[in-house]
């Protein structure tokens, strides 16, 4: 059966991958995006080549109306931790007030058919964990303004689900990567800095550990959850490919220059400390995998192509 879905943040990184995946399924997609600094408005032409796509430029916090649909897939958010530390206002607006508005729009359709809100949270809401992995039932202990606003949105969704019977699914993916990511993120940022001859600011000595998940695997996980998952549930999404940031940077530099570097320290500025930095994220996604999903992309195999993409598509 064809689905009709809203995808908020459809011109953003993860939202664009999910939009393509839904259109490839033959679903009807209404894309919503307010077009921020991190959006890619050039994607509108790509998506509008598909007759099942229509676009509405709007801030999710100001959206007034919902057409009949099965799901609202909410990827619209402010996501960069460093930006949230400098000024959290936009994070409160989009990540909390925006989600509240979506919940209210769904609630007001209770006399018709309420669509399911499939909301993108993050593994960062759990805070860091030195050993083991977080499950969906663990307490939320966010460490910075960004993750705090995402955790707040999760709590709003759970409350609206219990009080107003708003149907929801919360997904908490780990660190995403792929072509088309905004330059503030690690891989494109390194490629930019190498292009202009600038040292990479690597916080906390490069020791924080992250798990890397390709955005196309995240998109396939969303489809699997919609088709085989349950409503009013939370699903972690992971690849279980874990490494320290310093190791990630070394691999990126090797791909960029086509060889291993004798002294990669010459390319890195270690004098940067991020307030509220998490040392290690790790999430258990066995609940999702029990549905039959597993990631397909291999970080080390994909990295060379992705680095070359950013070398060929310089982003200022």
Protein backbone atom coordinates (compact mmCIF):
# COMPACT_ATOMS: atom_id res chain seq x y z
CA UNK A 1 0.00 0.00 0.00
CA UNK A 2 1.29 3.45 -0.90
CA UNK A 3 1.93 5.82 1.99
CA UNK A 4 1.39 9.56 2.12
CA UNK A 5 4.04 11.19 4.27
CA UNK A 6 5.24 14.61 5.30
CA UNK A 7 9.01 14.89 5.57
CA UNK A 8 10.03 17.96 7.51
CA UNK A 9 13.58 19.09 6.92
CA UNK A 10 13.45 17.43 3.50
CA UNK A 11 16.28 19.64 2.19
CA UNK A 12 18.59 18.77 5.05
CA UNK A 13 21.12 15.96 5.09
CA UNK A 14 19.20 13.05 6.62
CA UNK A 15 15.85 14.38 5.41
CA UNK A 16 17.00 14.34 1.79
CA UNK A 17 18.07 10.69 2.00
CA UNK A 18 14.72 9.74 3.51
CA UNK A 19 12.87 11.75 0.85
CA UNK A 20 14.65 9.82 -1.92
CA UNK A 21 13.94 6.51 -0.22
CA UNK A 22 10.23 7.26 0.18
CA UNK A 23 9.90 8.45 -3.43
CA UNK A 24 11.70 5.33 -4.62
CA UNK A 25 9.05 3.34 -2.76
CA UNK A 26 6.38 5.12 -4.80
CA UNK A 27 5.04 6.97 -1.76
CA UNK A 28 3.51 10.42 -1.85
CA UNK A 29 5.79 12.95 -0.17
CA UNK A 30 5.05 16.49 0.92
CA UNK A 31 8.38 18.04 1.77
CA UNK A 32 8.52 20.84 4.33
CA UNK A 33 11.60 22.96 4.93
CA UNK A 34 12.13 26.54 6.06
CA UNK A 35 15.45 26.60 4.17
CA UNK A 36 18.07 27.45 6.77
CA UNK A 37 21.81 27.82 6.29
CA UNK A 38 22.13 24.00 6.39
CA UNK A 39 19.45 23.30 3.76
CA UNK A 40 20.12 22.45 0.13
CA UNK A 41 17.41 24.25 -1.89
CA UNK A 42 18.85 22.90 -5.14
CA UNK A 43 17.35 19.53 -4.19
CA UNK A 44 13.83 20.86 -4.86
CA UNK A 45 14.39 20.49 -8.61
CA UNK A 46 15.59 16.92 -8.14
CA UNK A 47 12.61 15.91 -6.01
CA UNK A 48 10.03 17.71 -8.16
CA UNK A 49 10.98 15.52 -11.10
CA UNK A 50 8.90 12.92 -9.27
CA UNK A 51 5.16 13.60 -9.62
CA UNK A 52 4.58 12.22 -6.10
CA UNK A 53 6.54 15.09 -4.51
CA UNK A 54 5.35 18.55 -3.57
CA UNK A 55 7.17 21.19 -1.57
CA UNK A 56 6.04 23.65 1.07
CA UNK A 57 8.44 26.22 2.47
CA UNK A 58 7.61 26.69 6.14
CA UNK A 59 9.01 26.65 9.66
CA UNK A 60 7.62 23.62 11.53
CA UNK A 61 6.97 25.87 14.52
CA UNK A 62 4.64 27.96 12.33
CA UNK A 63 3.00 25.23 10.25
CA UNK A 64 -0.78 25.75 10.39
CA UNK A 65 -2.34 22.80 8.59
CA UNK A 66 -1.86 19.13 7.77
CA UNK A 67 -3.28 17.39 4.74
CA UNK A 68 -4.37 13.78 5.12
CA UNK A 69 -1.26 11.68 5.61
CA UNK A 70 -0.06 8.49 7.24
CA UNK A 71 3.18 9.73 8.78
CA UNK A 72 5.00 12.93 9.61
CA UNK A 73 8.70 12.10 9.46
CA UNK A 74 10.31 14.92 11.40
CA UNK A 75 13.96 15.48 10.59
CA UNK A 76 13.76 19.27 10.87
CA UNK A 77 16.10 20.43 13.62
CA UNK A 78 19.09 22.48 14.59
CA UNK A 79 21.82 19.87 15.09
CA UNK A 80 25.30 21.33 15.51
CA UNK A 81 26.52 21.09 19.11
CA UNK A 82 29.00 23.97 18.83
CA UNK A 83 26.27 26.31 17.56
CA UNK A 84 24.03 25.36 20.48
CA UNK A 85 26.78 26.22 22.94
CA UNK A 86 27.22 29.67 21.41
CA UNK A 87 23.48 30.44 21.20
CA UNK A 88 20.67 28.02 22.02
CA UNK A 89 17.69 30.17 20.96
CA UNK A 90 17.19 28.56 17.54
CA UNK A 91 17.55 25.12 19.10
CA UNK A 92 14.77 25.85 21.57
CA UNK A 93 12.61 27.24 18.76
CA UNK A 94 12.99 24.40 16.25
CA UNK A 95 13.75 21.38 18.40
CA UNK A 96 11.18 22.03 21.14
CA UNK A 97 8.57 24.52 19.95
CA UNK A 98 8.60 23.03 16.46
CA UNK A 99 7.91 19.54 17.80
CA UNK A 100 5.18 20.84 20.10
CA UNK A 101 3.48 22.46 17.12
CA UNK A 102 3.59 19.21 15.14
CA UNK A 103 2.09 17.36 18.10
CA UNK A 104 -0.71 19.90 18.35
CA UNK A 105 -1.45 19.68 14.64
CA UNK A 106 -1.76 15.92 14.98
CA UNK A 107 -3.86 16.16 18.15
CA UNK A 108 -6.35 18.47 16.43
CA UNK A 109 -7.05 15.74 13.89
CA UNK A 110 -8.34 13.35 16.58
CA UNK A 111 -11.85 13.43 15.10
CA UNK A 112 -10.44 12.34 11.73
CA UNK A 113 -7.32 10.19 11.41
CA UNK A 114 -4.26 11.18 13.38
CA UNK A 115 -1.03 10.50 11.46
CA UNK A 116 1.90 8.95 13.28
CA UNK A 117 4.75 11.28 14.20
CA UNK A 118 8.03 9.54 13.38
CA UNK A 119 10.44 11.81 15.15
CA UNK A 120 14.21 11.94 14.74
CA UNK A 121 15.93 12.17 18.08
CA UNK A 122 19.61 11.33 18.60
CA UNK A 123 21.84 8.97 20.54
CA UNK A 124 23.18 12.06 22.31
CA UNK A 125 20.07 12.30 24.51
CA UNK A 126 21.47 9.42 26.59
CA UNK A 127 24.69 11.24 27.34
CA UNK A 128 28.00 9.41 27.20
CA UNK A 129 28.73 5.88 28.30
CA UNK A 130 32.24 4.57 28.94
CA UNK A 131 31.43 0.86 28.70
CA UNK A 132 28.50 -0.99 27.22
CA UNK A 133 25.64 0.51 25.21
CA UNK A 134 22.45 2.42 25.92
CA UNK A 135 19.08 0.76 25.34
CA UNK A 136 15.85 2.55 24.55
CA UNK A 137 14.75 2.25 28.19
CA UNK A 138 17.75 4.07 29.67
CA UNK A 139 17.46 7.45 31.36
CA UNK A 140 18.16 10.53 29.29
CA UNK A 141 21.18 12.51 30.50
CA UNK A 142 21.97 15.11 27.82
CA UNK A 143 25.28 16.95 28.15
CA UNK A 144 24.85 20.10 26.04
CA UNK A 145 22.10 22.49 24.88
CA UNK A 146 21.58 20.63 21.58
CA UNK A 147 21.02 17.21 23.14
CA UNK A 148 18.95 18.80 25.92
CA UNK A 149 16.49 20.23 23.39
CA UNK A 150 16.25 16.85 21.64
CA UNK A 151 15.62 15.11 24.95
CA UNK A 152 12.94 17.68 25.78
CA UNK A 153 11.22 16.96 22.47
CA UNK A 154 11.26 13.23 23.25
CA UNK A 155 9.54 13.91 26.56
CA UNK A 156 6.89 16.07 24.90
CA UNK A 157 6.13 13.29 22.45
CA UNK A 158 5.77 10.72 25.22
CA UNK A 159 3.47 13.07 27.14
CA UNK A 160 1.25 13.86 24.13
CA UNK A 161 1.14 10.15 23.38
CA UNK A 162 -0.13 9.33 26.86
CA UNK A 163 -2.42 12.33 27.39
CA UNK A 164 -3.87 12.78 23.91
CA UNK A 165 -3.20 9.37 22.32
CA UNK A 166 -1.04 10.97 19.65
CA UNK A 167 0.63 8.05 17.83
CA UNK A 168 4.41 8.29 17.66
CA UNK A 169 7.65 6.54 16.86
CA UNK A 170 10.93 7.96 18.15
CA UNK A 171 14.17 6.98 16.42
CA UNK A 172 17.59 7.67 17.90
CA UNK A 173 20.33 7.26 15.29
CA UNK A 174 24.01 7.53 15.91
CA UNK A 175 26.48 9.75 14.02
CA UNK A 176 25.49 9.93 10.32
CA UNK A 177 27.78 10.47 7.36
CA UNK A 178 27.55 10.56 3.56
CA UNK A 179 27.65 12.85 0.54
CA UNK A 180 25.70 16.10 0.79
CA UNK A 181 26.37 16.87 4.45
CA UNK A 182 26.75 20.45 5.66
CA UNK A 183 30.32 21.68 5.93
CA UNK A 184 30.09 22.15 9.71
CA UNK A 185 30.19 18.34 10.09
CA UNK A 186 33.48 16.49 10.47
CA UNK A 187 34.16 14.88 7.07
CA UNK A 188 33.27 17.85 4.82
CA UNK A 189 34.86 20.25 7.30
CA UNK A 190 38.19 18.45 7.12
CA UNK A 191 38.06 18.47 3.32
CA UNK A 192 37.35 22.20 3.39
CA UNK A 193 40.21 22.93 5.77
CA UNK A 194 42.65 20.91 3.68
CA UNK A 195 41.55 22.80 0.57
CA UNK A 196 42.25 26.20 2.13
CA UNK A 197 45.32 25.11 4.12
CA UNK A 198 43.83 25.48 7.59
CA UNK A 199 44.44 23.26 10.60
CA UNK A 200 41.59 21.08 11.87
CA UNK A 201 40.20 22.04 15.28
CA UNK A 202 39.91 18.65 16.98
CA UNK A 203 38.42 18.87 20.44
CA UNK A 204 39.56 16.97 23.50
CA UNK A 205 42.66 15.52 21.88
CA UNK A 206 40.63 13.51 19.39
CA UNK A 207 39.85 10.96 22.10
CA UNK A 208 36.01 11.05 22.00
CA UNK A 209 34.59 7.94 20.36
CA UNK A 210 31.74 7.92 17.85
CA UNK A 211 29.79 5.29 15.93
CA UNK A 212 29.38 6.07 12.21
CA UNK A 213 26.19 5.25 10.29
CA UNK A 214 25.63 6.04 6.61
CA UNK A 215 22.56 8.20 5.94
CA UNK A 216 21.27 5.73 3.35
CA UNK A 217 21.23 3.05 6.08
CA UNK A 218 19.35 5.46 8.34
CA UNK A 219 16.79 5.98 5.56
CA UNK A 220 16.36 2.23 5.06
CA UNK A 221 15.86 1.83 8.81
CA UNK A 222 12.99 4.34 8.69
CA UNK A 223 11.28 2.35 5.93
CA UNK A 224 11.74 -0.90 7.85
CA UNK A 225 10.27 0.63 11.02
CA UNK A 226 7.24 1.97 9.15
CA UNK A 227 6.63 -1.34 7.40
CA UNK A 228 7.44 -3.77 10.22
CA UNK A 229 7.75 -1.83 13.47
CA UNK A 230 5.21 -0.89 16.11
CA UNK A 231 3.64 2.46 16.93
CA UNK A 232 4.37 4.14 20.29
CA UNK A 233 7.87 2.67 20.39
CA UNK A 234 11.45 3.97 20.44
CA UNK A 235 14.14 2.51 18.19
CA UNK A 236 17.90 3.04 18.35
CA UNK A 237 19.68 2.99 14.97
CA UNK A 238 23.35 2.07 14.92
CA UNK A 239 26.04 0.52 12.74
CA UNK A 240 28.25 -0.64 15.60
CA UNK A 241 31.26 0.76 13.71
CA UNK A 242 33.07 2.60 16.48
CA UNK A 243 36.31 4.54 16.51
CA UNK A 244 38.02 7.52 18.13
CA UNK A 245 37.76 10.87 16.35
CA UNK A 246 41.52 10.98 15.92
CA UNK A 247 41.40 7.69 14.00
CA UNK A 248 38.59 9.01 11.83
CA UNK A 249 40.59 12.14 11.02
CA UNK A 250 43.66 10.09 10.08
CA UNK A 251 41.59 8.01 7.67
CA UNK A 252 40.05 11.10 6.10
CA UNK A 253 43.48 12.70 5.61
CA UNK A 254 44.78 9.49 4.04
CA UNK A 255 41.88 9.47 1.58
CA UNK A 256 42.28 13.17 0.85
CA UNK A 257 45.99 12.97 0.03
CA UNK A 258 45.94 9.43 -1.36
CA UNK A 259 48.56 8.21 1.07
CA UNK A 260 49.35 7.81 4.74
CA UNK A 261 50.90 10.94 6.24
CA UNK A 262 54.18 10.83 8.14
CA UNK A 263 53.09 13.52 10.60
CA UNK A 264 49.32 14.10 10.62
CA UNK A 265 49.73 16.26 13.74
CA UNK A 266 50.85 19.09 11.44
CA UNK A 267 47.31 19.24 10.10
CA UNK A 268 45.52 19.31 13.46
CA UNK A 269 45.08 21.89 16.21
CA UNK A 270 44.60 20.03 19.48
CA UNK A 271 44.12 23.22 21.54
CA UNK A 272 40.34 23.07 21.38
CA UNK A 273 38.10 21.92 24.20
CA UNK A 274 34.34 21.54 23.71
CA UNK A 275 32.31 22.35 26.86
CA UNK A 276 30.02 19.48 27.80
CA UNK A 277 31.79 17.10 25.43
CA UNK A 278 30.70 13.46 25.55
CA UNK A 279 33.54 10.95 25.58
CA UNK A 280 31.71 8.03 24.01
CA UNK A 281 28.29 7.31 22.54
CA UNK A 282 27.10 3.75 22.10
CA UNK A 283 23.58 2.46 21.56
CA UNK A 284 22.11 -1.03 21.41
CA UNK A 285 19.89 -1.36 18.33
CA UNK A 286 18.94 -5.03 18.72
CA UNK A 287 15.28 -4.00 18.92
CA UNK A 288 15.47 -2.60 15.38
CA UNK A 289 17.54 -5.49 14.08
CA UNK A 290 14.89 -7.93 15.33
CA UNK A 291 12.67 -6.47 12.59
CA UNK A 292 15.12 -7.73 9.96
CA UNK A 293 17.10 -4.53 9.36
CA UNK A 294 20.86 -4.27 9.26
CA UNK A 295 23.22 -1.60 7.87
CA UNK A 296 24.77 -2.21 4.46
CA UNK A 297 27.42 0.52 4.19
CA UNK A 298 30.99 -0.07 5.36
CA UNK A 299 32.68 3.10 6.61
CA UNK A 300 36.18 2.25 5.44
CA UNK A 301 34.94 1.18 2.01
CA UNK A 302 32.73 4.25 1.55
CA UNK A 303 35.13 6.89 2.88
CA UNK A 304 37.35 7.35 -0.17
CA UNK A 305 34.39 8.07 -2.48
CA UNK A 306 32.84 10.46 0.04
CA UNK A 307 36.08 12.38 0.59
CA UNK A 308 36.53 12.69 -3.18
CA UNK A 309 32.97 14.01 -3.42
CA UNK A 310 33.82 16.84 -1.02
CA UNK A 311 37.12 17.50 -2.80
CA UNK A 312 35.22 17.90 -6.07
CA UNK A 313 32.33 19.84 -4.52
CA UNK A 314 34.04 22.46 -2.39
CA UNK A 315 31.64 24.03 0.12
CA UNK A 316 32.49 27.37 1.72
